[in-house]
Amino acid sequence: DPELLEAFGVSQSALPKIVSNWGNFGSSNPEHFL
């Protein structure tokens, strides 16, 4: 919410993309995750 971001001084560009609770969001990187 732009007004909430302004009130708390947070830029949306620093925040993550919001996704649903299930779906294919991407994959683990084998070099980083076991």
All heavy atoms as atom14 arrays in JSON, in Angstrom:
{
  "sequence": "DPELLEAFGVSQSALPKIVSNWGNFGSSNPEHFL",
  "atom14_mask": [
    [1, 1, 1, 1, 1, 1, 1, 1, 0, 0, 0, 0, 0, 0],
    [1, 1, 1, 1, 1, 1, 1, 0, 0, 0, 0, 0, 0, 0],
    [1, 1, 1, 1, 1, 1, 1, 1, 1, 0, 0, 0, 0, 0],
    [1, 1, 1, 1, 1, 1, 1, 1, 0, 0, 0, 0, 0, 0],
    [1, 1, 1, 1, 1, 1, 1, 1, 0, 0, 0, 0, 0, 0],
    [1, 1, 1, 1, 1, 1, 1, 1, 1, 0, 0, 0, 0, 0],
    [1, 1, 1, 1, 1, 0, 0, 0, 0, 0, 0, 0, 0, 0],
    [1, 1, 1, 1, 1, 1, 1, 1, 1, 1, 1, 0, 0, 0],
    [1, 1, 1, 1, 0, 0, 0, 0, 0, 0, 0, 0, 0, 0],
    [1, 1, 1, 1, 1, 1, 1, 0, 0, 0, 0, 0, 0, 0],
    [1, 1, 1, 1, 1, 1, 0, 0, 0, 0, 0, 0, 0, 0],
    [1, 1, 1, 1, 1, 1, 1, 1, 1, 0, 0, 0, 0, 0],
    [1, 1, 1, 1, 1, 1, 0, 0, 0, 0, 0, 0, 0, 0],
    [1, 1, 1, 1, 1, 0, 0, 0, 0, 0, 0, 0, 0, 0],
    [1, 1, 1, 1, 1, 1, 1, 1, 0, 0, 0, 0, 0, 0],
    [1, 1, 1, 1, 1, 1, 1, 0, 0, 0, 0, 0, 0, 0],
    [1, 1, 1, 1, 1, 1, 1, 1, 1, 0, 0, 0, 0, 0],
    [1, 1, 1, 1, 1, 1, 1, 1, 0, 0, 0, 0, 0, 0],
    [1, 1, 1, 1, 1, 1, 1, 0, 0, 0, 0, 0, 0, 0],
    [1, 1, 1, 1, 1, 1, 0, 0, 0, 0, 0, 0, 0, 0],
    [1, 1, 1, 1, 1, 1, 1, 1, 0, 0, 0, 0, 0, 0],
    [1, 1, 1, 1, 1, 1, 1, 1, 1, 1, 1, 1, 1, 1],
    [1, 1, 1, 1, 0, 0, 0, 0, 0, 0, 0, 0, 0, 0],
    [1, 1, 1, 1, 1, 1, 1, 1, 0, 0, 0, 0, 0, 0],
    [1, 1, 1, 1, 1, 1, 1, 1, 1, 1, 1, 0, 0, 0],
    [1, 1, 1, 1, 0, 0, 0, 0, 0, 0, 0, 0, 0, 0],
    [1, 1, 1, 1, 1, 1, 0, 0, 0, 0, 0, 0, 0, 0],
    [1, 1, 1, 1, 1, 1, 0, 0, 0, 0, 0, 0, 0, 0],
    [1, 1, 1, 1, 1, 1, 1, 1, 0, 0, 0, 0, 0, 0],
    [1, 1, 1, 1, 1, 1, 1, 0, 0, 0, 0, 0, 0, 0],
    [1, 1, 1, 1, 1, 1, 1, 1, 1, 0, 0, 0, 0, 0],
    [1, 1, 1, 1, 1, 1, 1, 1, 1, 1, 0, 0, 0, 0],
    [1, 1, 1, 1, 1, 1, 1, 1, 1, 1, 1, 0, 0, 0],
    [1, 1, 1, 1, 1, 1, 1, 1, 0, 0, 0, 0, 0, 0]
  ],
  "atom14_positions": [
    [[0.83, -1.2, 0.0], [0.0, 0.0, 0.0], [0.88, 1.26, 0.0], [1.68, 1.45, 0.92], [-0.91, -0.01, 1.23], [-1.91, 1.11, 1.23], [-1.51, 2.26, 1.5], [-3.1, 0.85, 0.95], [0.0, 0.0, 0.0], [0.0, 0.0, 0.0], [0.0, 0.0, 0.0], [0.0, 0.0, 0.0], [0.0, 0.0, 0.0], [0.0, 0.0, 0.0]],
    [[0.75, 2.13, -0.99], [1.64, 3.31, -1.08], [1.58, 4.21, 0.15], [2.61, 4.72, 0.59], [1.13, 4.03, -2.33], [0.49, 2.98, -3.15], [-0.12, 2.02, -2.17], [0.0, 0.0, 0.0], [0.0, 0.0, 0.0], [0.0, 0.0, 0.0], [0.0, 0.0, 0.0], [0.0, 0.0, 0.0], [0.0, 0.0, 0.0], [0.0, 0.0, 0.0]],
    [[0.39, 4.43, 0.72], [0.28, 5.3, 1.9], [0.92, 4.67, 3.13], [1.53, 5.37, 3.95], [-1.18, 5.64, 2.15], [-1.8, 6.53, 1.09], [-3.22, 6.91, 1.44], [-3.4, 7.68, 2.41], [-4.14, 6.43, 0.76], [0.0, 0.0, 0.0], [0.0, 0.0, 0.0], [0.0, 0.0, 0.0], [0.0, 0.0, 0.0], [0.0, 0.0, 0.0]],
    [[0.81, 3.36, 3.26], [1.47, 2.69, 4.38], [2.98, 2.73, 4.21], [3.72, 2.96, 5.18], [0.99, 1.24, 4.47], [-0.46, 1.04, 4.93], [-0.92, -0.37, 4.65], [-0.6, 1.37, 6.41], [0.0, 0.0, 0.0], [0.0, 0.0, 0.0], [0.0, 0.0, 0.0], [0.0, 0.0, 0.0], [0.0, 0.0, 0.0], [0.0, 0.0, 0.0]],
    [[3.45, 2.52, 2.99], [4.89, 2.59, 2.74], [5.42, 3.97, 3.07], [6.5, 4.11, 3.66], [5.18, 2.25, 1.28], [4.86, 0.82, 0.82], [5.12, 0.68, -0.67], [5.67, -0.2, 1.6], [0.0, 0.0, 0.0], [0.0, 0.0, 0.0], [0.0, 0.0, 0.0], [0.0, 0.0, 0.0], [0.0, 0.0, 0.0], [0.0, 0.0, 0.0]],
    [[4.67, 5.0, 2.73], [5.09, 6.36, 3.05], [5.1, 6.6, 4.55], [6.03, 7.21, 5.09], [4.17, 7.37, 2.36], [4.58, 8.82, 2.6], [3.67, 9.81, 1.88], [2.76, 9.38, 1.15], [3.89, 11.02, 2.07], [0.0, 0.0, 0.0], [0.0, 0.0, 0.0], [0.0, 0.0, 0.0], [0.0, 0.0, 0.0], [0.0, 0.0, 0.0]],
    [[4.07, 6.11, 5.24], [3.98, 6.33, 6.69], [5.15, 5.69, 7.43], [5.66, 6.25, 8.41], [2.66, 5.77, 7.22], [0.0, 0.0, 0.0], [0.0, 0.0, 0.0], [0.0, 0.0, 0.0], [0.0, 0.0, 0.0], [0.0, 0.0, 0.0], [0.0, 0.0, 0.0], [0.0, 0.0, 0.0], [0.0, 0.0, 0.0], [0.0, 0.0, 0.0]],
    [[5.59, 4.53, 6.96], [6.67, 3.81, 7.63], [8.03, 4.02, 6.96], [9.03, 3.43, 7.4], [6.34, 2.33, 7.72], [5.24, 2.02, 8.7], [3.94, 1.84, 8.26], [5.49, 1.92, 10.05], [2.92, 1.56, 9.15], [4.48, 1.65, 10.96], [3.18, 1.47, 10.5], [0.0, 0.0, 0.0], [0.0, 0.0, 0.0], [0.0, 0.0, 0.0]],
    [[8.07, 4.83, 5.92], [9.34, 5.19, 5.3], [10.03, 4.08, 4.56], [11.27, 4.02, 4.52], [0.0, 0.0, 0.0], [0.0, 0.0, 0.0], [0.0, 0.0, 0.0], [0.0, 0.0, 0.0], [0.0, 0.0, 0.0], [0.0, 0.0, 0.0], [0.0, 0.0, 0.0], [0.0, 0.0, 0.0], [0.0, 0.0, 0.0], [0.0, 0.0, 0.0]],
    [[9.25, 3.2, 3.93], [9.83, 2.05, 3.23], [9.56, 2.17, 1.74], [8.43, 2.45, 1.32], [9.22, 0.73, 3.76], [9.81, -0.47, 3.01], [9.47, 0.58, 5.26], [0.0, 0.0, 0.0], [0.0, 0.0, 0.0], [0.0, 0.0, 0.0], [0.0, 0.0, 0.0], [0.0, 0.0, 0.0], [0.0, 0.0, 0.0], [0.0, 0.0, 0.0]],
    [[10.59, 1.93, 0.93], [10.43, 1.94, -0.53], [9.99, 0.56, -1.01], [10.54, -0.47, -0.57], [11.75, 2.31, -1.2], [11.67, 2.11, -2.6], [0.0, 0.0, 0.0], [0.0, 0.0, 0.0], [0.0, 0.0, 0.0], [0.0, 0.0, 0.0], [0.0, 0.0, 0.0], [0.0, 0.0, 0.0], [0.0, 0.0, 0.0], [0.0, 0.0, 0.0]],
    [[9.01, 0.52, -1.91], [8.52, -0.76, -2.4], [9.61, -1.54, -3.12], [9.61, -2.78, -3.11], [7.33, -0.55, -3.34], [6.7, -1.85, -3.82], [5.4, -1.63, -4.56], [4.69, -0.66, -4.33], [5.07, -2.55, -5.47], [0.0, 0.0, 0.0], [0.0, 0.0, 0.0], [0.0, 0.0, 0.0], [0.0, 0.0, 0.0], [0.0, 0.0, 0.0]],
    [[10.58, -0.84, -3.71], [11.64, -1.52, -4.45], [12.5, -2.41, -3.55], [13.15, -3.35, -4.03], [12.53, -0.5, -5.16], [13.18, 0.35, -4.21], [0.0, 0.0, 0.0], [0.0, 0.0, 0.0], [0.0, 0.0, 0.0], [0.0, 0.0, 0.0], [0.0, 0.0, 0.0], [0.0, 0.0, 0.0], [0.0, 0.0, 0.0], [0.0, 0.0, 0.0]],
    [[12.49, -2.14, -2.24], [13.28, -2.96, -1.3], [12.53, -4.21, -0.87], [13.14, -5.14, -0.33], [13.65, -2.14, -0.06], [0.0, 0.0, 0.0], [0.0, 0.0, 0.0], [0.0, 0.0, 0.0], [0.0, 0.0, 0.0], [0.0, 0.0, 0.0], [0.0, 0.0, 0.0], [0.0, 0.0, 0.0], [0.0, 0.0, 0.0], [0.0, 0.0, 0.0]],
    [[11.23, -4.23, -1.11], [10.38, -5.3, -0.61], [10.2, -6.42, -1.62], [10.32, -6.21, -2.83], [9.01, -4.75, -0.22], [8.98, -3.75, 0.94], [7.6, -3.14, 1.08], [9.42, -4.42, 2.24], [0.0, 0.0, 0.0], [0.0, 0.0, 0.0], [0.0, 0.0, 0.0], [0.0, 0.0, 0.0], [0.0, 0.0, 0.0], [0.0, 0.0, 0.0]],
    [[9.87, -7.61, -1.15], [9.69, -8.74, -2.06], [8.36, -8.67, -2.82], [7.43, -7.96, -2.42], [9.71, -9.96, -1.13], [9.29, -9.42, 0.19], [9.79, -8.01, 0.27], [0.0, 0.0, 0.0], [0.0, 0.0, 0.0], [0.0, 0.0, 0.0], [0.0, 0.0, 0.0], [0.0, 0.0, 0.0], [0.0, 0.0, 0.0], [0.0, 0.0, 0.0]],
    [[8.28, -9.42, -3.9], [7.03, -9.6, -4.64], [6.1, -10.48, -3.82], [6.53, -11.48, -3.23], [7.32, -10.24, -5.99], [6.08, -10.58, -6.8], [6.45, -11.34, -8.08], [5.2, -11.77, -8.84], [5.55, -12.56, -10.05], [0.0, 0.0, 0.0], [0.0, 0.0, 0.0], [0.0, 0.0, 0.0], [0.0, 0.0, 0.0], [0.0, 0.0, 0.0]],
    [[4.82, -10.12, -3.76], [3.83, -10.9, -3.01], [3.26, -11.99, -3.91], [2.78, -11.7, -5.02], [2.71, -10.01, -2.46], [3.29, -8.93, -1.53], [1.67, -10.85, -1.71], [2.26, -7.91, -1.06], [0.0, 0.0, 0.0], [0.0, 0.0, 0.0], [0.0, 0.0, 0.0], [0.0, 0.0, 0.0], [0.0, 0.0, 0.0], [0.0, 0.0, 0.0]],
    [[3.28, -13.25, -3.43], [2.74, -14.38, -4.19], [1.68, -15.09, -3.37], [1.53, -14.87, -2.16], [3.86, -15.37, -4.59], [4.91, -14.68, -5.45], [4.51, -16.0, -3.36], [0.0, 0.0, 0.0], [0.0, 0.0, 0.0], [0.0, 0.0, 0.0], [0.0, 0.0, 0.0], [0.0, 0.0, 0.0], [0.0, 0.0, 0.0], [0.0, 0.0, 0.0]],
    [[0.92, -15.97, -4.02], [-0.1, -16.78, -3.34], [0.57, -17.82, -2.46], [1.8, -17.92, -2.4], [-1.0, -17.44, -4.37], [-1.68, -16.49, -5.16], [0.0, 0.0, 0.0], [0.0, 0.0, 0.0], [0.0, 0.0, 0.0], [0.0, 0.0, 0.0], [0.0, 0.0, 0.0], [0.0, 0.0, 0.0], [0.0, 0.0, 0.0], [0.0, 0.0, 0.0]],
    [[-0.25, -18.64, -1.8], [0.31, -19.61, -0.86], [0.74, -20.91, -1.5], [1.46, -21.69, -0.88], [-0.67, -19.87, 0.29], [-0.78, -18.68, 1.21], [-1.78, -17.98, 1.21], [0.26, -18.42, 1.97], [0.0, 0.0, 0.0], [0.0, 0.0, 0.0], [0.0, 0.0, 0.0], [0.0, 0.0, 0.0], [0.0, 0.0, 0.0], [0.0, 0.0, 0.0]],
    [[0.3, -21.19, -2.7], [0.83, -22.34, -3.4], [0.87, -22.07, -4.9], [0.12, -21.28, -5.43], [0.1, -23.63, -3.08], [-1.34, -23.75, -3.5], [-1.82, -24.19, -4.71], [-2.5, -23.49, -2.69], [-3.19, -24.21, -4.7], [-3.64, -23.79, -3.48], [-2.68, -23.04, -1.38], [-4.94, -23.65, -3.0], [-3.99, -22.9, -0.91], [-5.08, -23.2, -1.7]],
    [[1.84, -22.7, -5.55], [2.12, -22.49, -6.96], [3.6, -22.76, -7.16], [4.32, -23.09, -6.22], [0.0, 0.0, 0.0], [0.0, 0.0, 0.0], [0.0, 0.0, 0.0], [0.0, 0.0, 0.0], [0.0, 0.0, 0.0], [0.0, 0.0, 0.0], [0.0, 0.0, 0.0], [0.0, 0.0, 0.0], [0.0, 0.0, 0.0], [0.0, 0.0, 0.0]],
    [[4.09, -22.63, -8.37], [5.52, -22.83, -8.64], [6.21, -21.48, -8.61], [6.08, -20.68, -9.54], [5.73, -23.52, -9.99], [7.16, -24.04, -10.13], [8.09, -23.49, -9.56], [7.32, -25.11, -10.88], [0.0, 0.0, 0.0], [0.0, 0.0, 0.0], [0.0, 0.0, 0.0], [0.0, 0.0, 0.0], [0.0, 0.0, 0.0], [0.0, 0.0, 0.0]],
    [[6.96, -21.21, -7.55], [7.55, -19.88, -7.34], [8.98, -19.76, -7.85], [9.54, -18.67, -7.87], [7.52, -19.54, -5.85], [6.16, -19.65, -5.22], [5.98, -20.37, -4.05], [5.06, -19.05, -5.8], [4.73, -20.48, -3.46], [3.8, -19.16, -5.22], [3.63, -19.88, -4.05], [0.0, 0.0, 0.0], [0.0, 0.0, 0.0], [0.0, 0.0, 0.0]],
    [[9.59, -20.87, -8.21], [10.99, -20.89, -8.6], [11.67, -22.09, -7.99], [11.02, -22.92, -7.33], [0.0, 0.0, 0.0], [0.0, 0.0, 0.0], [0.0, 0.0, 0.0], [0.0, 0.0, 0.0], [0.0, 0.0, 0.0], [0.0, 0.0, 0.0], [0.0, 0.0, 0.0], [0.0, 0.0, 0.0], [0.0, 0.0, 0.0], [0.0, 0.0, 0.0]],
    [[12.97, -22.22, -8.18], [13.67, -23.43, -7.74], [14.85, -23.13, -6.84], [15.4, -22.02, -6.84], [14.18, -24.21, -8.97], [13.1, -24.71, -9.73], [0.0, 0.0, 0.0], [0.0, 0.0, 0.0], [0.0, 0.0, 0.0], [0.0, 0.0, 0.0], [0.0, 0.0, 0.0], [0.0, 0.0, 0.0], [0.0, 0.0, 0.0], [0.0, 0.0, 0.0]],
    [[15.24, -24.14, -6.1], [16.45, -24.04, -5.28], [17.67, -24.08, -6.19], [17.65, -24.66, -7.28], [16.49, -25.2, -4.27], [16.55, -26.45, -4.94], [0.0, 0.0, 0.0], [0.0, 0.0, 0.0], [0.0, 0.0, 0.0], [0.0, 0.0, 0.0], [0.0, 0.0, 0.0], [0.0, 0.0, 0.0], [0.0, 0.0, 0.0], [0.0, 0.0, 0.0]],
    [[18.72, -23.46, -5.72], [20.0, -23.45, -6.43], [20.88, -24.53, -5.81], [21.2, -24.45, -4.62], [20.66, -22.07, -6.31], [21.95, -21.95, -7.07], [22.77, -22.86, -7.06], [22.14, -20.81, -7.74], [0.0, 0.0, 0.0], [0.0, 0.0, 0.0], [0.0, 0.0, 0.0], [0.0, 0.0, 0.0], [0.0, 0.0, 0.0], [0.0, 0.0, 0.0]],
    [[21.29, -25.54, -6.58], [22.04, -26.65, -5.98], [23.37, -26.23, -5.35], [23.84, -26.87, -4.42], [22.26, -27.61, -7.17], [22.1, -26.77, -8.39], [21.08, -25.72, -8.02], [0.0, 0.0, 0.0], [0.0, 0.0, 0.0], [0.0, 0.0, 0.0], [0.0, 0.0, 0.0], [0.0, 0.0, 0.0], [0.0, 0.0, 0.0], [0.0, 0.0, 0.0]],
    [[23.96, -25.15, -5.84], [25.22, -24.69, -5.25], [25.01, -24.08, -3.87], [25.95, -24.02, -3.07], [25.88, -23.66, -6.17], [26.34, -24.24, -7.5], [27.04, -23.2, -8.35], [27.35, -22.1, -7.82], [27.29, -23.47, -9.53], [0.0, 0.0, 0.0], [0.0, 0.0, 0.0], [0.0, 0.0, 0.0], [0.0, 0.0, 0.0], [0.0, 0.0, 0.0]],
    [[23.8, -23.64, -3.6], [23.5, -23.0, -2.32], [22.7, -23.91, -1.38], [22.72, -23.7, -0.16], [22.71, -21.71, -2.55], [23.52, -20.61, -3.17], [24.01, -19.54, -2.44], [23.95, -20.42, -4.44], [24.7, -18.74, -3.23], [24.67, -19.24, -4.46], [0.0, 0.0, 0.0], [0.0, 0.0, 0.0], [0.0, 0.0, 0.0], [0.0, 0.0, 0.0]],
    [[21.98, -24.89, -1.95], [21.06, -25.67, -1.13], [21.28, -27.17, -1.33], [20.56, -27.84, -2.07], [19.61, -25.29, -1.44], [18.6, -25.92, -0.5], [18.61, -25.61, 0.86], [17.66, -26.82, -0.97], [17.7, -26.19, 1.73], [16.74, -27.39, -0.09], [16.76, -27.08, 1.25], [0.0, 0.0, 0.0], [0.0, 0.0, 0.0], [0.0, 0.0, 0.0]],
    [[22.33, -27.67, -0.71], [22.55, -29.1, -0.52], [22.58, -29.89, -1.82], [22.23, -31.07, -1.86], [21.45, -29.67, 0.41], [21.28, -28.97, 1.76], [20.1, -29.56, 2.52], [22.56, -29.08, 2.58], [0.0, 0.0, 0.0], [0.0, 0.0, 0.0], [0.0, 0.0, 0.0], [0.0, 0.0, 0.0], [0.0, 0.0, 0.0], [0.0, 0.0, 0.0]]
  ]
}
